[in-house]
């Protein structure tokens, strides 16, 4: 078993994805062995280029980036341009020096890696799980072959006999784009055996950081990766400030994907979770969700871990420290 934790990152690289990737790259106990792009915040092609740009900025240009599936498995493509801009990076249109690899594609590469290193690899899905589900169709034991899978998605644990979990006001939830962006893929992954942890927006959207904090770190350190996040997050912060500070106040931004990354990096920041089957729900507008439901007697459905509380203070400290740490740390 390798001394460092080997991680595959599957990402629709927008602003918070870039921040999560930087958090991973800042750690000496983590080896990002492969980055796979998917649709979501932007197109899969653009997400691959954005990921490549982050890797180059952080001094990890040797990490391969593979282009993944560009469309959901069973529905029309939906992009989150109103949150991340048309390019995923706040309409700043960053271009990497080196193109991402289209051959092998992300799905093929995932199956290869899982078969080559069974029981070793950790998989972090920051966007829709289209690549993971497509790979699962090729290798039915895929998720069992991965050491862990951490996914940004799900509405969390539903209340007992709750048939409308999206109306649960315990948490501030608008939508769950990673799940609704490919409900077929999400449902197939939710039914698969393996060590899977879901960290949904119901928990991640409770945590906002001041945009000024990011800008101050970028100015004080002049670290290229901190400056990149500061530069690409203006549009992103506009969205979050309008959504969460409608009456005014300091500009803020979400760090959704970094919360899931932190749960993978430091399990002690995960304060509370349950293991439940996940079930698909559809609201009155036709939007699809996944939520953990109470198992029935003799229920044989697969149970995954569903997080419902984390140490936000510790996670924010991890993120800000990653931005303050010069990159690359390795020689």
Foldseek 3Di string as FASTA:
>chain_A
DDQAQEEEEEEQAALLNLLLVLLQLLDPRYDDQEYAYEAEQEFLQLSQQNVCQSCVLQVNNVRAYAREDGAAPPDGADHNCQQRNHSRLQPPDDGHPDGHDHPPHPLVVLLVVLVVQFQRYEYEYEAACRSVLVNCVVPVCSQARHNEYEYAFFLEAADAPDQCSVPDPPFDDDATRNCLSHVPSVLSVLQGDHAYEYEYPSAQVVDKDFLVLLVVLCVVQVASSSVSSNVRCPSNQVVVCCVPVVVDDTGIHTNRSLVRSVCVVPVVQQDDKDWARWDWHADPVRGIGIYGYDADVVRPGGTYIYTDGGNNVVSVVSSSVSSNDHHPPDD
